[in-house]
Structures are given as C-alpha cells and as structure tokens.
C-alpha cells in the first residue's frame, strides 16, 4: 500500500497531539486534507489565509494546545500578519505551506 505525503503529514500531526487544522482548502492542500480526514483530524475551512491564521491563533490561546494553519504557497504571504501576531504573543501555532510544482514555474504562482 502506498502512503502519500498528506497521510504522512496527518500522522505526524496526530502523533504530536494536533486536534484541529485551519486552512483555505484547494490545490496544494488537497492531499493533506485527505490525510487529515483519514486520521480524523477536524479541518476548518476559511475564506482567506489570514483568517485561517488568526483562527488558529485564537484556538491555540483558548485551548492552550498547538494548532495548525495550513495554506498553499500562492497565498502564504497573506498568512504572515497572523503569523507575526501569534509569534509576538508566543502562541504555538504551526504554519505549514509547500512549494509550487515545477509545471507552474514561471507562471507567477
């Protein structure tokens, strides 16, 4: 049986006690979302990367447990303000992104 990267990520997050992931689903995130579903880790879909980051930060502050913000490489810069807010408050939010595929190289993404 082949194990995809999304499943490996989900298993690693589950082993570290992650109980929720905030994201803007689609594209890069789809394999990870499949793995998260198979590992029964709830995924909260948001309309924007910055919102995903702020919600992950809020969840971390309320639960006092690390939370994940998963965004694609094209919109990762949108999550930076929420990342800086979490960092400034020492909130243990884990921000995860990837890189664009080679077939998109030079296309501005």
C-alpha atoms as a PDB file:
ATOM      1  CA  UNK A   1       0.000   0.000   0.000  1.00  0.00           C
ATOM      2  CA  UNK A   2       1.358   3.403  -0.981  1.00  0.00           C
ATOM      3  CA  UNK A   3       1.438   6.102   1.654  1.00  0.00           C
ATOM      4  CA  UNK A   4       1.078   9.618   0.285  1.00  0.00           C
ATOM      5  CA  UNK A   5       2.670  12.734   1.711  1.00  0.00           C
ATOM      6  CA  UNK A   6      -0.652  14.055   3.005  1.00  0.00           C
ATOM      7  CA  UNK A   7      -1.114  10.933   5.098  1.00  0.00           C
ATOM      8  CA  UNK A   8       2.429  11.206   6.468  1.00  0.00           C
ATOM      9  CA  UNK A   9       1.765  14.813   7.459  1.00  0.00           C
ATOM     10  CA  UNK A  10      -1.546  13.916   9.111  1.00  0.00           C
ATOM     11  CA  UNK A  11       0.013  11.043  11.054  1.00  0.00           C
ATOM     12  CA  UNK A  12       2.840  13.272  12.276  1.00  0.00           C
ATOM     13  CA  UNK A  13       0.372  15.946  13.396  1.00  0.00           C
ATOM     14  CA  UNK A  14      -1.792  13.377  15.169  1.00  0.00           C
ATOM     15  CA  UNK A  15       1.256  11.935  16.957  1.00  0.00           C
ATOM     16  CA  UNK A  16       2.097  15.446  18.181  1.00  0.00           C
ATOM     17  CA  UNK A  17      -1.404  15.926  19.580  1.00  0.00           C
ATOM     18  CA  UNK A  18      -2.811  18.306  16.973  1.00  0.00           C
ATOM     19  CA  UNK A  19      -6.603  18.243  17.212  1.00  0.00           C
ATOM     20  CA  UNK A  20      -7.628  20.863  14.609  1.00  0.00           C
ATOM     21  CA  UNK A  21      -6.319  22.360  11.391  1.00  0.00           C
ATOM     22  CA  UNK A  22      -7.392  25.700   9.898  1.00  0.00           C
ATOM     23  CA  UNK A  23      -6.982  26.100   6.155  1.00  0.00           C
ATOM     24  CA  UNK A  24      -8.081  27.602   2.885  1.00  0.00           C
ATOM     25  CA  UNK A  25      -8.724  24.346   1.051  1.00  0.00           C
ATOM     26  CA  UNK A  26      -7.871  23.541  -2.528  1.00  0.00           C
ATOM     27  CA  UNK A  27      -4.878  22.900  -4.749  1.00  0.00           C
ATOM     28  CA  UNK A  28      -1.753  22.209  -2.720  1.00  0.00           C
ATOM     29  CA  UNK A  29      -3.758  21.381   0.412  1.00  0.00           C
ATOM     30  CA  UNK A  30      -5.919  18.603  -1.065  1.00  0.00           C
ATOM     31  CA  UNK A  31      -3.542  15.662  -0.392  1.00  0.00           C
ATOM     32  CA  UNK A  32      -3.045  16.902   3.181  1.00  0.00           C
ATOM     33  CA  UNK A  33      -6.808  17.292   3.631  1.00  0.00           C
ATOM     34  CA  UNK A  34      -7.326  13.690   2.513  1.00  0.00           C
ATOM     35  CA  UNK A  35      -4.776  12.525   5.086  1.00  0.00           C
ATOM     36  CA  UNK A  36      -6.336  14.652   7.826  1.00  0.00           C
ATOM     37  CA  UNK A  37      -9.766  13.178   7.080  1.00  0.00           C
ATOM     38  CA  UNK A  38      -8.371   9.641   7.251  1.00  0.00           C
ATOM     39  CA  UNK A  39      -6.755  10.464  10.623  1.00  0.00           C
ATOM     40  CA  UNK A  40      -9.998  12.040  11.921  1.00  0.00           C
ATOM     41  CA  UNK A  41      -8.415  15.448  12.490  1.00  0.00           C
ATOM     42  CA  UNK A  42     -11.093  18.143  12.055  1.00  0.00           C
ATOM     43  CA  UNK A  43     -10.402  20.718   9.348  1.00  0.00           C
ATOM     44  CA  UNK A  44     -11.915  24.187   9.487  1.00  0.00           C
ATOM     45  CA  UNK A  45     -12.117  25.758   6.036  1.00  0.00           C
ATOM     46  CA  UNK A  46     -11.822  29.553   5.898  1.00  0.00           C
ATOM     47  CA  UNK A  47     -12.298  32.136   3.121  1.00  0.00           C
ATOM     48  CA  UNK A  48      -8.791  33.647   3.408  1.00  0.00           C
ATOM     49  CA  UNK A  49      -5.294  32.664   4.562  1.00  0.00           C
ATOM     50  CA  UNK A  50      -5.061  35.477   7.107  1.00  0.00           C
ATOM     51  CA  UNK A  51      -8.350  34.394   8.664  1.00  0.00           C
ATOM     52  CA  UNK A  52      -7.071  30.809   8.889  1.00  0.00           C
ATOM     53  CA  UNK A  53      -4.001  32.042  10.755  1.00  0.00           C
ATOM     54  CA  UNK A  54      -5.956  34.234  13.162  1.00  0.00           C
ATOM     55  CA  UNK A  55      -8.462  31.458  13.886  1.00  0.00           C
ATOM     56  CA  UNK A  56      -5.624  29.005  14.544  1.00  0.00           C
ATOM     57  CA  UNK A  57      -4.062  31.555  16.903  1.00  0.00           C
ATOM     58  CA  UNK A  58      -7.377  32.120  18.706  1.00  0.00           C
ATOM     59  CA  UNK A  59      -7.948  28.379  19.045  1.00  0.00           C
ATOM     60  CA  UNK A  60      -4.459  27.947  20.479  1.00  0.00           C
ATOM     61  CA  UNK A  61      -4.974  30.708  23.027  1.00  0.00           C
ATOM     62  CA  UNK A  62      -8.338  29.299  24.125  1.00  0.00           C
ATOM     63  CA  UNK A  63      -7.340  25.620  24.314  1.00  0.00           C
ATOM     64  CA  UNK A  64      -3.688  26.178  25.254  1.00  0.00           C
ATOM     65  CA  UNK A  65      -2.759  23.468  22.732  1.00  0.00           C
ATOM     66  CA  UNK A  66      -0.787  23.902  19.493  1.00  0.00           C
ATOM     67  CA  UNK A  67      -2.910  24.346  16.387  1.00  0.00           C
ATOM     68  CA  UNK A  68      -2.032  24.196  12.680  1.00  0.00           C
ATOM     69  CA  UNK A  69      -2.614  26.730   9.918  1.00  0.00           C
ATOM     70  CA  UNK A  70      -2.212  25.018   6.534  1.00  0.00           C
ATOM     71  CA  UNK A  71      -2.093  27.271   3.464  1.00  0.00           C
ATOM     72  CA  UNK A  72      -0.891  26.934  -0.098  1.00  0.00           C
ATOM     73  CA  UNK A  73       2.288  28.555  -1.384  1.00  0.00           C
ATOM     74  CA  UNK A  74       0.456  31.051  -3.586  1.00  0.00           C
ATOM     75  CA  UNK A  75      -1.278  32.680  -0.626  1.00  0.00           C
ATOM     76  CA  UNK A  76       1.207  32.087   2.158  1.00  0.00           C
ATOM     77  CA  UNK A  77       2.183  35.774   2.268  1.00  0.00           C
ATOM     78  CA  UNK A  78      -1.425  36.512   3.258  1.00  0.00           C
ATOM     79  CA  UNK A  79      -0.904  34.463   6.440  1.00  0.00           C
ATOM     80  CA  UNK A  80       2.194  36.415   7.527  1.00  0.00           C
ATOM     81  CA  UNK A  81       0.295  39.059   9.585  1.00  0.00           C
ATOM     82  CA  UNK A  82      -1.412  36.335  11.622  1.00  0.00           C
ATOM     83  CA  UNK A  83       1.907  34.509  11.929  1.00  0.00           C
ATOM     84  CA  UNK A  84       3.578  37.617  13.329  1.00  0.00           C
ATOM     85  CA  UNK A  85       0.701  38.154  15.770  1.00  0.00           C
ATOM     86  CA  UNK A  86       0.983  34.564  17.024  1.00  0.00           C
ATOM     87  CA  UNK A  87       4.765  34.862  17.275  1.00  0.00           C
ATOM     88  CA  UNK A  88       4.529  38.168  19.151  1.00  0.00           C
ATOM     89  CA  UNK A  89       2.175  36.625  21.699  1.00  0.00           C
ATOM     90  CA  UNK A  90       4.229  33.403  21.928  1.00  0.00           C
ATOM     91  CA  UNK A  91       1.231  31.429  20.719  1.00  0.00           C
ATOM     92  CA  UNK A  92       2.293  27.957  19.489  1.00  0.00           C
ATOM     93  CA  UNK A  93       0.654  27.995  16.067  1.00  0.00           C
ATOM     94  CA  UNK A  94       2.297  25.780  13.456  1.00  0.00           C
ATOM     95  CA  UNK A  95       2.164  27.322   9.972  1.00  0.00           C
ATOM     96  CA  UNK A  96       2.585  24.827   7.127  1.00  0.00           C
ATOM     97  CA  UNK A  97       2.910  25.508   3.413  1.00  0.00           C
ATOM     98  CA  UNK A  98       4.585  23.935   0.411  1.00  0.00           C
ATOM     99  CA  UNK A  99       6.154  24.992  -2.827  1.00  0.00           C
ATOM    100  CA  UNK A 100       4.644  25.373  -6.269  1.00  0.00           C
ATOM    101  CA  UNK A 101       5.021  22.472  -8.652  1.00  0.00           C
ATOM    102  CA  UNK A 102       7.581  22.617 -11.449  1.00  0.00           C
ATOM    103  CA  UNK A 103       4.825  22.723 -14.069  1.00  0.00           C
ATOM    104  CA  UNK A 104       3.771  26.107 -12.622  1.00  0.00           C
ATOM    105  CA  UNK A 105       7.286  27.539 -12.668  1.00  0.00           C
ATOM    106  CA  UNK A 106       7.316  30.958 -14.289  1.00  0.00           C
ATOM    107  CA  UNK A 107       3.525  31.316 -14.164  1.00  0.00           C
ATOM    108  CA  UNK A 108       3.542  33.828 -11.316  1.00  0.00           C
ATOM    109  CA  UNK A 109       2.192  31.465  -8.626  1.00  0.00           C
END
